[in-house]
Amino acid sequence: IRDQISALNAIAQGSSASGGINELEDLKSLLKLDKLPLRIEAFDISNISGKEATGAMVSFYRGVPDKNNYRRFRIKTVEGIDDYKMLSEVIARRYSRLVRENLALPDLVLVDGGRSHFCVAEKGIKKLGISIPLVSIAKDRENLYIKKRMSPINLSFDTPALNLIRRIRN
């Protein structure tokens, strides 16, 4: 019974080994990536009444949260509420550090937001002279935005790739 409960918990959390790999393979196929996105980093910006602006980054490895690599960024250069400038700052700080310290880049970057958030993140990554696959997800209809595609990707509710992206975003 203990093993059955453990297996059910793993399925519910999406952390079973086969489930995670199936989701990653589905994501690789959907985004037409060259390799399996084993390391995924996701960003979101949070404001509390226009103050205490914070950028958050979560890291997933093989479809499972890697909490030791979560990061929080206090916004230092942006006054007022401007999600786009804040996202740009956080992206620049994160990846300029990885480049400067010659550390491994993620296989995929996920941004919480729509097409505009995608464009800001893409510009920030390009500015650093690096190339990392990027996707953004808009909450309203779970639209996915990717490079070289103006219209969003709409997936069915139970798609493995979308389930993984939702888990990472949440």
N, C-alpha and C. Protein backbone atom coordinates (compact mmCIF):
# COMPACT_ATOMS: atom_id res chain seq x y z
N ILE A 1 0.83 -1.19 0.00
CA ILE A 1 0.00 0.00 0.00
C ILE A 1 0.88 1.26 0.00
N ARG A 2 1.97 1.22 0.79
CA ARG A 2 2.88 2.35 0.84
C ARG A 2 3.44 2.66 -0.54
N ASP A 3 3.85 1.61 -1.28
CA ASP A 3 4.40 1.80 -2.62
C ASP A 3 3.36 2.35 -3.59
N GLN A 4 2.13 1.91 -3.45
CA GLN A 4 1.06 2.41 -4.30
C GLN A 4 0.79 3.89 -4.03
N ILE A 5 0.78 4.26 -2.75
CA ILE A 5 0.58 5.66 -2.39
C ILE A 5 1.73 6.52 -2.94
N SER A 6 2.94 6.03 -2.80
CA SER A 6 4.11 6.75 -3.32
C SER A 6 4.02 6.91 -4.83
N ALA A 7 3.62 5.85 -5.53
CA ALA A 7 3.50 5.92 -6.99
C ALA A 7 2.42 6.91 -7.40
N LEU A 8 1.30 6.92 -6.70
CA LEU A 8 0.22 7.86 -7.00
C LEU A 8 0.67 9.30 -6.75
N ASN A 9 1.41 9.53 -5.68
CA ASN A 9 1.94 10.88 -5.40
C ASN A 9 2.88 11.33 -6.50
N ALA A 10 3.74 10.42 -6.96
CA ALA A 10 4.68 10.77 -8.03
C ALA A 10 3.94 11.13 -9.31
N ILE A 11 2.88 10.38 -9.63
CA ILE A 11 2.10 10.67 -10.83
C ILE A 11 1.41 12.03 -10.68
N ALA A 12 0.81 12.27 -9.53
CA ALA A 12 0.10 13.53 -9.30
C ALA A 12 1.03 14.73 -9.39
N GLN A 13 2.26 14.56 -8.94
CA GLN A 13 3.22 15.67 -8.97
C GLN A 13 4.01 15.71 -10.27
N GLY A 14 3.80 14.71 -11.12
CA GLY A 14 4.51 14.69 -12.40
C GLY A 14 5.97 14.37 -12.26
N SER A 15 6.35 13.72 -11.19
CA SER A 15 7.78 13.49 -10.97
C SER A 15 8.20 12.05 -11.21
N SER A 16 7.34 11.25 -11.78
CA SER A 16 7.76 9.90 -12.10
C SER A 16 8.76 9.95 -13.23
N ALA A 17 9.72 9.07 -13.25
CA ALA A 17 10.80 9.13 -14.23
C ALA A 17 10.26 9.05 -15.65
N SER A 18 9.37 8.11 -15.92
CA SER A 18 8.87 7.97 -17.29
C SER A 18 7.96 9.14 -17.66
N GLY A 19 7.16 9.62 -16.72
CA GLY A 19 6.27 10.75 -17.00
C GLY A 19 7.06 11.99 -17.35
N GLY A 20 8.12 12.28 -16.59
CA GLY A 20 8.94 13.45 -16.85
C GLY A 20 9.61 13.39 -18.20
N ILE A 21 10.14 12.22 -18.55
CA ILE A 21 10.82 12.07 -19.84
C ILE A 21 9.81 12.18 -20.98
N ASN A 22 8.62 11.58 -20.83
CA ASN A 22 7.60 11.69 -21.87
C ASN A 22 7.21 13.15 -22.09
N GLU A 23 7.07 13.91 -21.00
CA GLU A 23 6.75 15.33 -21.11
C GLU A 23 7.87 16.09 -21.82
N LEU A 24 9.11 15.76 -21.48
CA LEU A 24 10.25 16.43 -22.10
C LEU A 24 10.35 16.10 -23.59
N GLU A 25 10.07 14.85 -23.93
CA GLU A 25 10.10 14.46 -25.34
C GLU A 25 8.99 15.17 -26.11
N ASP A 26 7.82 15.28 -25.50
CA ASP A 26 6.71 15.98 -26.13
C ASP A 26 7.06 17.47 -26.32
N LEU A 27 7.68 18.06 -25.32
CA LEU A 27 8.09 19.46 -25.39
C LEU A 27 9.15 19.66 -26.48
N LYS A 28 10.09 18.75 -26.56
CA LYS A 28 11.14 18.82 -27.59
C LYS A 28 10.52 18.78 -28.98
N SER A 29 9.58 17.89 -29.17
CA SER A 29 8.91 17.75 -30.46
C SER A 29 8.07 18.99 -30.78
N LEU A 30 7.31 19.46 -29.82
CA LEU A 30 6.44 20.62 -30.00
C LEU A 30 7.23 21.87 -30.39
N LEU A 31 8.35 22.10 -29.70
CA LEU A 31 9.15 23.30 -29.92
C LEU A 31 10.22 23.12 -30.99
N LYS A 32 10.30 21.90 -31.53
CA LYS A 32 11.30 21.57 -32.56
C LYS A 32 12.72 21.88 -32.07
N LEU A 33 13.01 21.39 -30.86
CA LEU A 33 14.33 21.60 -30.27
C LEU A 33 15.31 20.56 -30.78
N ASP A 34 16.59 20.91 -30.80
CA ASP A 34 17.62 19.98 -31.24
C ASP A 34 17.88 18.87 -30.23
N LYS A 35 17.72 19.20 -28.96
CA LYS A 35 17.98 18.20 -27.92
C LYS A 35 16.91 18.27 -26.84
N LEU A 36 16.84 17.23 -26.04
CA LEU A 36 15.88 17.16 -24.95
C LEU A 36 16.17 18.29 -23.96
N PRO A 37 15.15 19.08 -23.58
CA PRO A 37 15.38 20.19 -22.65
C PRO A 37 15.46 19.70 -21.20
N LEU A 38 16.61 19.16 -20.84
CA LEU A 38 16.77 18.59 -19.50
C LEU A 38 16.75 19.68 -18.43
N ARG A 39 17.43 20.79 -18.67
CA ARG A 39 17.46 21.90 -17.72
C ARG A 39 16.57 23.02 -18.27
N ILE A 40 15.53 23.35 -17.53
CA ILE A 40 14.62 24.42 -17.93
C ILE A 40 14.60 25.47 -16.81
N GLU A 41 14.79 26.73 -17.18
CA GLU A 41 14.70 27.82 -16.22
C GLU A 41 13.53 28.70 -16.61
N ALA A 42 12.73 29.09 -15.62
CA ALA A 42 11.53 29.89 -15.88
C ALA A 42 11.55 31.15 -15.04
N PHE A 43 11.05 32.25 -15.63
CA PHE A 43 11.08 33.56 -14.98
C PHE A 43 9.69 34.15 -14.86
N ASP A 44 9.49 34.87 -13.75
CA ASP A 44 8.26 35.63 -13.54
C ASP A 44 8.63 36.87 -12.72
N ILE A 45 7.89 37.93 -12.94
CA ILE A 45 8.10 39.19 -12.23
C ILE A 45 6.91 39.41 -11.32
N SER A 46 7.18 39.87 -10.09
CA SER A 46 6.11 40.12 -9.13
C SER A 46 6.25 41.52 -8.54
N ASN A 47 5.12 42.20 -8.41
CA ASN A 47 5.07 43.52 -7.79
C ASN A 47 4.02 43.51 -6.69
N ILE A 48 4.33 44.16 -5.59
CA ILE A 48 3.34 44.32 -4.53
C ILE A 48 3.05 45.81 -4.42
N SER A 49 1.91 46.22 -4.96
CA SER A 49 1.50 47.63 -4.97
C SER A 49 2.57 48.55 -5.55
N GLY A 50 3.28 48.08 -6.56
CA GLY A 50 4.29 48.91 -7.19
C GLY A 50 5.59 48.99 -6.42
N LYS A 51 5.67 48.29 -5.30
CA LYS A 51 6.88 48.28 -4.48
C LYS A 51 7.34 46.84 -4.32
N GLU A 52 8.53 46.69 -3.81
CA GLU A 52 9.06 45.35 -3.57
C GLU A 52 9.04 44.50 -4.83
N ALA A 53 9.43 45.07 -5.95
CA ALA A 53 9.48 44.33 -7.20
C ALA A 53 10.54 43.24 -7.11
N THR A 54 10.16 42.06 -7.55
CA THR A 54 11.04 40.90 -7.46
C THR A 54 10.93 40.07 -8.73
N GLY A 55 12.04 39.55 -9.16
CA GLY A 55 12.06 38.58 -10.25
C GLY A 55 12.34 37.23 -9.64
N ALA A 56 11.61 36.22 -10.10
CA ALA A 56 11.82 34.87 -9.59
C ALA A 56 12.22 33.96 -10.73
N MET A 57 13.13 33.05 -10.44
CA MET A 57 13.54 32.05 -11.41
C MET A 57 13.46 30.69 -10.76
N VAL A 58 12.76 29.77 -11.40
CA VAL A 58 12.74 28.39 -10.94
C VAL A 58 13.52 27.56 -11.94
N SER A 59 14.03 26.46 -11.47
CA SER A 59 14.82 25.57 -12.31
C SER A 59 14.26 24.16 -12.19
N PHE A 60 14.08 23.54 -13.33
CA PHE A 60 13.64 22.15 -13.38
C PHE A 60 14.70 21.34 -14.09
N TYR A 61 14.98 20.16 -13.57
CA TYR A 61 15.94 19.26 -14.21
C TYR A 61 15.25 17.92 -14.43
N ARG A 62 15.23 17.48 -15.67
CA ARG A 62 14.55 16.24 -16.06
C ARG A 62 13.07 16.24 -15.67
N GLY A 63 12.45 17.41 -15.73
CA GLY A 63 11.02 17.53 -15.45
C GLY A 63 10.66 17.61 -13.98
N VAL A 64 11.68 17.75 -13.11
CA VAL A 64 11.46 17.78 -11.66
C VAL A 64 12.06 19.07 -11.10
N PRO A 65 11.38 19.70 -10.13
CA PRO A 65 11.93 20.93 -9.55
C PRO A 65 13.33 20.72 -8.98
N ASP A 66 14.23 21.64 -9.27
CA ASP A 66 15.59 21.63 -8.75
C ASP A 66 15.71 22.85 -7.84
N LYS A 67 15.16 22.73 -6.64
CA LYS A 67 15.01 23.88 -5.74
C LYS A 67 16.33 24.50 -5.30
N ASN A 68 17.42 23.75 -5.37
CA ASN A 68 18.73 24.32 -5.03
C ASN A 68 19.16 25.38 -6.04
N ASN A 69 18.57 25.36 -7.21
CA ASN A 69 18.92 26.34 -8.24
C ASN A 69 17.84 27.38 -8.47
N TYR A 70 16.87 27.49 -7.58
CA TYR A 70 15.90 28.58 -7.64
C TYR A 70 16.64 29.87 -7.30
N ARG A 71 16.22 30.99 -7.90
CA ARG A 71 16.84 32.28 -7.62
C ARG A 71 15.76 33.35 -7.49
N ARG A 72 16.07 34.35 -6.67
CA ARG A 72 15.21 35.51 -6.51
C ARG A 72 16.06 36.73 -6.80
N PHE A 73 15.52 37.66 -7.55
CA PHE A 73 16.25 38.86 -7.95
C PHE A 73 15.52 40.10 -7.46
N ARG A 74 16.17 40.88 -6.63
CA ARG A 74 15.60 42.19 -6.28
C ARG A 74 15.84 43.11 -7.46
N ILE A 75 14.81 43.78 -7.90
CA ILE A 75 14.93 44.69 -9.03
C ILE A 75 15.70 45.92 -8.57
N LYS A 76 16.77 46.23 -9.29
CA LYS A 76 17.66 47.30 -8.87
C LYS A 76 17.61 48.54 -9.75
N THR A 77 17.28 48.38 -11.04
CA THR A 77 17.45 49.50 -11.97
C THR A 77 16.14 50.09 -12.49
N VAL A 78 15.01 49.51 -12.13
CA VAL A 78 13.73 49.95 -12.69
C VAL A 78 12.89 50.64 -11.63
N GLU A 79 12.43 51.85 -11.95
CA GLU A 79 11.55 52.59 -11.06
C GLU A 79 10.11 52.37 -11.50
N GLY A 80 9.19 52.25 -10.57
CA GLY A 80 7.78 52.07 -10.91
C GLY A 80 7.50 50.65 -11.36
N ILE A 81 6.34 50.49 -11.98
CA ILE A 81 5.91 49.17 -12.44
C ILE A 81 6.14 49.07 -13.94
N ASP A 82 7.09 48.26 -14.34
CA ASP A 82 7.37 48.01 -15.75
C ASP A 82 7.88 46.58 -15.87
N ASP A 83 6.96 45.65 -16.05
CA ASP A 83 7.32 44.23 -16.13
C ASP A 83 8.37 43.96 -17.19
N TYR A 84 8.28 44.65 -18.31
CA TYR A 84 9.20 44.37 -19.41
C TYR A 84 10.63 44.76 -19.06
N LYS A 85 10.82 45.94 -18.50
CA LYS A 85 12.16 46.36 -18.10
C LYS A 85 12.70 45.48 -16.97
N MET A 86 11.80 45.10 -16.05
CA MET A 86 12.21 44.24 -14.95
C MET A 86 12.64 42.87 -15.46
N LEU A 87 11.89 42.33 -16.40
CA LEU A 87 12.25 41.04 -17.00
C LEU A 87 13.59 41.15 -17.72
N SER A 88 13.78 42.23 -18.43
CA SER A 88 15.03 42.45 -19.14
C SER A 88 16.22 42.49 -18.17
N GLU A 89 16.03 43.18 -17.04
CA GLU A 89 17.09 43.25 -16.03
C GLU A 89 17.42 41.87 -15.48
N VAL A 90 16.41 41.10 -15.15
CA VAL A 90 16.61 39.79 -14.54
C VAL A 90 17.30 38.83 -15.53
N ILE A 91 16.84 38.84 -16.78
CA ILE A 91 17.45 38.00 -17.81
C ILE A 91 18.92 38.37 -17.98
N ALA A 92 19.19 39.67 -18.07
CA ALA A 92 20.58 40.13 -18.25
C ALA A 92 21.45 39.73 -17.07
N ARG A 93 20.95 39.90 -15.87
CA ARG A 93 21.75 39.55 -14.68
C ARG A 93 22.02 38.04 -14.62
N ARG A 94 21.00 37.23 -14.88
CA ARG A 94 21.15 35.78 -14.78
C ARG A 94 22.15 35.27 -15.81
N TYR A 95 21.95 35.61 -17.07
CA TYR A 95 22.76 34.98 -18.11
C TYR A 95 24.10 35.66 -18.32
N SER A 96 24.24 36.92 -17.96
CA SER A 96 25.58 37.52 -18.03
C SER A 96 26.48 36.86 -16.98
N ARG A 97 25.89 36.52 -15.84
CA ARG A 97 26.68 35.83 -14.81
C ARG A 97 27.10 34.44 -15.28
N LEU A 98 26.17 33.69 -15.88
CA LEU A 98 26.53 32.35 -16.36
C LEU A 98 27.62 32.43 -17.42
N VAL A 99 27.51 33.40 -18.31
CA VAL A 99 28.52 33.56 -19.35
C VAL A 99 29.86 33.97 -18.73
N ARG A 100 29.83 34.95 -17.83
CA ARG A 100 31.04 35.46 -17.19
C ARG A 100 31.77 34.35 -16.42
N GLU A 101 31.01 33.49 -15.74
CA GLU A 101 31.61 32.42 -14.94
C GLU A 101 31.76 31.11 -15.71
N ASN A 102 31.47 31.17 -17.01
CA ASN A 102 31.62 30.00 -17.88
C ASN A 102 30.84 28.79 -17.35
N LEU A 103 29.60 29.04 -16.91
CA LEU A 103 28.74 27.98 -16.41
C LEU A 103 27.77 27.53 -17.50
N ALA A 104 27.23 26.35 -17.35
CA ALA A 104 26.32 25.78 -18.35
C ALA A 104 25.04 26.59 -18.44
N LEU A 105 24.59 26.80 -19.66
CA LEU A 105 23.32 27.47 -19.91
C LEU A 105 22.20 26.44 -19.89
N PRO A 106 20.97 26.87 -19.61
CA PRO A 106 19.85 25.92 -19.63
C PRO A 106 19.54 25.48 -21.06
N ASP A 107 18.79 24.41 -21.17
CA ASP A 107 18.39 23.91 -22.48
C ASP A 107 17.16 24.65 -23.01
N LEU A 108 16.42 25.30 -22.09
CA LEU A 108 15.21 26.03 -22.47
C LEU A 108 14.92 27.08 -21.41
N VAL A 109 14.45 28.24 -21.86
CA VAL A 109 14.02 29.31 -20.95
C VAL A 109 12.52 29.50 -21.17
N LEU A 110 11.80 29.56 -20.07
CA LEU A 110 10.35 29.77 -20.08
C LEU A 110 10.06 31.10 -19.40
N VAL A 111 9.23 31.92 -20.05
CA VAL A 111 8.86 33.22 -19.49
C VAL A 111 7.36 33.23 -19.28
N ASP A 112 6.95 33.71 -18.11
CA ASP A 112 5.53 33.84 -17.82
C ASP A 112 5.05 35.15 -18.42
N GLY A 113 4.26 35.08 -19.48
CA GLY A 113 3.75 36.26 -20.15
C GLY A 113 3.45 35.96 -21.60
N GLY A 114 3.07 36.96 -22.34
CA GLY A 114 2.68 36.78 -23.72
C GLY A 114 3.77 37.10 -24.71
N ARG A 115 3.37 37.47 -25.92
CA ARG A 115 4.31 37.76 -27.01
C ARG A 115 5.30 38.86 -26.63
N SER A 116 4.85 39.92 -25.97
CA SER A 116 5.75 41.03 -25.60
C SER A 116 6.82 40.57 -24.61
N HIS A 117 6.43 39.76 -23.65
CA HIS A 117 7.41 39.22 -22.70
C HIS A 117 8.42 38.35 -23.43
N PHE A 118 7.94 37.55 -24.36
CA PHE A 118 8.83 36.71 -25.17
C PHE A 118 9.86 37.58 -25.89
N CYS A 119 9.39 38.64 -26.54
CA CYS A 119 10.29 39.50 -27.32
C CYS A 119 11.35 40.17 -26.44
N VAL A 120 10.95 40.61 -25.26
CA VAL A 120 11.89 41.23 -24.32
C VAL A 120 12.97 40.23 -23.90
N ALA A 121 12.55 39.03 -23.55
CA ALA A 121 13.51 38.00 -23.12
C ALA A 121 14.43 37.61 -24.27
N GLU A 122 13.87 37.47 -25.46
CA GLU A 122 14.67 37.11 -26.62
C GLU A 122 15.73 38.17 -26.92
N LYS A 123 15.33 39.43 -26.84
CA LYS A 123 16.25 40.54 -27.08
C LYS A 123 17.38 40.53 -26.04
N GLY A 124 17.03 40.29 -24.78
CA GLY A 124 18.03 40.25 -23.72
C GLY A 124 19.04 39.12 -23.90
N ILE A 125 18.55 37.98 -24.33
CA ILE A 125 19.44 36.83 -24.56
C ILE A 125 20.36 37.10 -25.75
N LYS A 126 19.80 37.64 -26.83
CA LYS A 126 20.60 37.95 -28.02
C LYS A 126 21.67 39.00 -27.70
N LYS A 127 21.31 39.98 -26.87
CA LYS A 127 22.24 41.06 -26.50
C LYS A 127 23.51 40.50 -25.85
N LEU A 128 23.37 39.38 -25.16
CA LEU A 128 24.51 38.75 -24.49
C LEU A 128 25.33 37.88 -25.45
N GLY A 129 24.86 37.73 -26.68
CA GLY A 129 25.59 36.94 -27.67
C GLY A 129 25.46 35.44 -27.46
N ILE A 130 24.40 35.03 -26.82
CA ILE A 130 24.18 33.60 -26.59
C ILE A 130 22.88 33.16 -27.27
N SER A 131 22.72 31.87 -27.38
CA SER A 131 21.52 31.33 -28.00
C SER A 131 20.93 30.26 -27.08
N ILE A 132 19.73 30.53 -26.60
CA ILE A 132 19.01 29.58 -25.75
C ILE A 132 17.58 29.52 -26.28
N PRO A 133 17.05 28.31 -26.53
CA PRO A 133 15.64 28.22 -26.93
C PRO A 133 14.75 28.87 -25.87
N LEU A 134 13.69 29.53 -26.33
CA LEU A 134 12.84 30.32 -25.47
C LEU A 134 11.38 30.08 -25.81
N VAL A 135 10.54 30.06 -24.79
CA VAL A 135 9.09 29.97 -24.96
C VAL A 135 8.44 30.80 -23.87
N SER A 136 7.30 31.41 -24.21
CA SER A 136 6.54 32.12 -23.17
C SER A 136 5.12 31.57 -23.15
N ILE A 137 4.50 31.67 -21.99
CA ILE A 137 3.14 31.19 -21.84
C ILE A 137 2.27 32.30 -21.25
N ALA A 138 1.18 32.59 -21.96
CA ALA A 138 0.22 33.60 -21.50
C ALA A 138 -0.88 32.87 -20.73
N LYS A 139 -1.17 33.36 -19.55
CA LYS A 139 -2.09 32.67 -18.65
C LYS A 139 -3.53 32.57 -19.15
N ASP A 140 -4.00 33.60 -19.80
CA ASP A 140 -5.43 33.63 -20.13
C ASP A 140 -5.91 32.39 -20.89
N ARG A 141 -5.23 32.02 -21.94
CA ARG A 141 -5.65 30.85 -22.71
C ARG A 141 -4.55 29.80 -22.82
N GLU A 142 -3.54 29.94 -21.99
CA GLU A 142 -2.39 29.02 -22.03
C GLU A 142 -1.74 29.02 -23.42
N ASN A 143 -1.69 30.21 -24.04
CA ASN A 143 -1.04 30.35 -25.34
C ASN A 143 0.47 30.27 -25.19
N LEU A 144 1.11 29.55 -26.08
CA LEU A 144 2.58 29.46 -26.09
C LEU A 144 3.11 30.27 -27.25
N TYR A 145 4.14 31.06 -26.99
CA TYR A 145 4.79 31.86 -28.02
C TYR A 145 6.21 31.38 -28.20
N ILE A 146 6.59 31.19 -29.46
CA ILE A 146 7.94 30.73 -29.77
C ILE A 146 8.52 31.59 -30.89
N LYS A 147 9.81 31.42 -31.12
CA LYS A 147 10.52 32.19 -32.13
C LYS A 147 9.96 31.90 -33.53
N LYS A 148 9.96 32.91 -34.36
CA LYS A 148 9.57 32.82 -35.77
C LYS A 148 8.13 32.35 -35.98
N ARG A 149 7.28 32.63 -35.02
CA ARG A 149 5.87 32.28 -35.18
C ARG A 149 5.05 33.38 -34.53
N MET A 150 4.32 34.13 -35.33
CA MET A 150 3.55 35.26 -34.81
C MET A 150 2.32 34.82 -34.03
N SER A 151 1.65 33.78 -34.52
CA SER A 151 0.45 33.32 -33.81
C SER A 151 0.86 32.33 -32.72
N PRO A 152 0.12 32.32 -31.63
CA PRO A 152 0.47 31.41 -30.53
C PRO A 152 0.12 29.96 -30.83
N ILE A 153 0.74 29.08 -30.11
CA ILE A 153 0.43 27.66 -30.17
C ILE A 153 -0.64 27.40 -29.12
N ASN A 154 -1.71 26.77 -29.53
CA ASN A 154 -2.77 26.39 -28.60
C ASN A 154 -2.76 24.88 -28.48
N LEU A 155 -2.57 24.37 -27.28
CA LEU A 155 -2.53 22.93 -27.06
C LEU A 155 -3.79 22.47 -26.34
N SER A 156 -4.12 21.21 -26.54
CA SER A 156 -5.25 20.67 -25.79
C SER A 156 -4.87 20.60 -24.31
N PHE A 157 -5.87 20.62 -23.47
CA PHE A 157 -5.70 20.73 -22.03
C PHE A 157 -4.79 19.65 -21.43
N ASP A 158 -4.81 18.44 -21.99
CA ASP A 158 -4.09 17.32 -21.39
C ASP A 158 -2.79 16.96 -22.09
N THR A 159 -2.23 17.87 -22.87
CA THR A 159 -0.97 17.62 -23.56
C THR A 159 0.17 17.51 -22.55
N PRO A 160 1.01 16.45 -22.65
CA PRO A 160 2.12 16.31 -21.69
C PRO A 160 3.03 17.54 -21.63
N ALA A 161 3.35 18.12 -22.77
CA ALA A 161 4.23 19.30 -22.77
C ALA A 161 3.59 20.46 -22.04
N LEU A 162 2.29 20.68 -22.26
CA LEU A 162 1.61 21.78 -21.58
C LEU A 162 1.51 21.53 -20.09
N ASN A 163 1.31 20.27 -19.70
CA ASN A 163 1.27 19.95 -18.27
C ASN A 163 2.60 20.28 -17.60
N LEU A 164 3.70 19.96 -18.27
CA LEU A 164 5.02 20.28 -17.73
C LEU A 164 5.21 21.79 -17.64
N ILE A 165 4.86 22.52 -18.69
CA ILE A 165 5.02 23.97 -18.68
C ILE A 165 4.19 24.61 -17.58
N ARG A 166 2.97 24.13 -17.39
CA ARG A 166 2.12 24.65 -16.32
C ARG A 166 2.73 24.41 -14.95
N ARG A 167 3.27 23.20 -14.75
CA ARG A 167 3.88 22.88 -13.47
C ARG A 167 5.08 23.79 -13.20
N ILE A 168 5.86 24.04 -14.20
CA ILE A 168 7.03 24.91 -14.05
C ILE A 168 6.57 26.34 -13.76
N ARG A 169 5.60 26.85 -14.52
CA ARG A 169 5.11 28.20 -14.32
C ARG A 169 4.50 28.39 -12.93
N ASN A 170 3.75 27.42 -12.48
CA ASN A 170 3.07 27.54 -11.18
C ASN A 170 4.02 27.35 -10.02
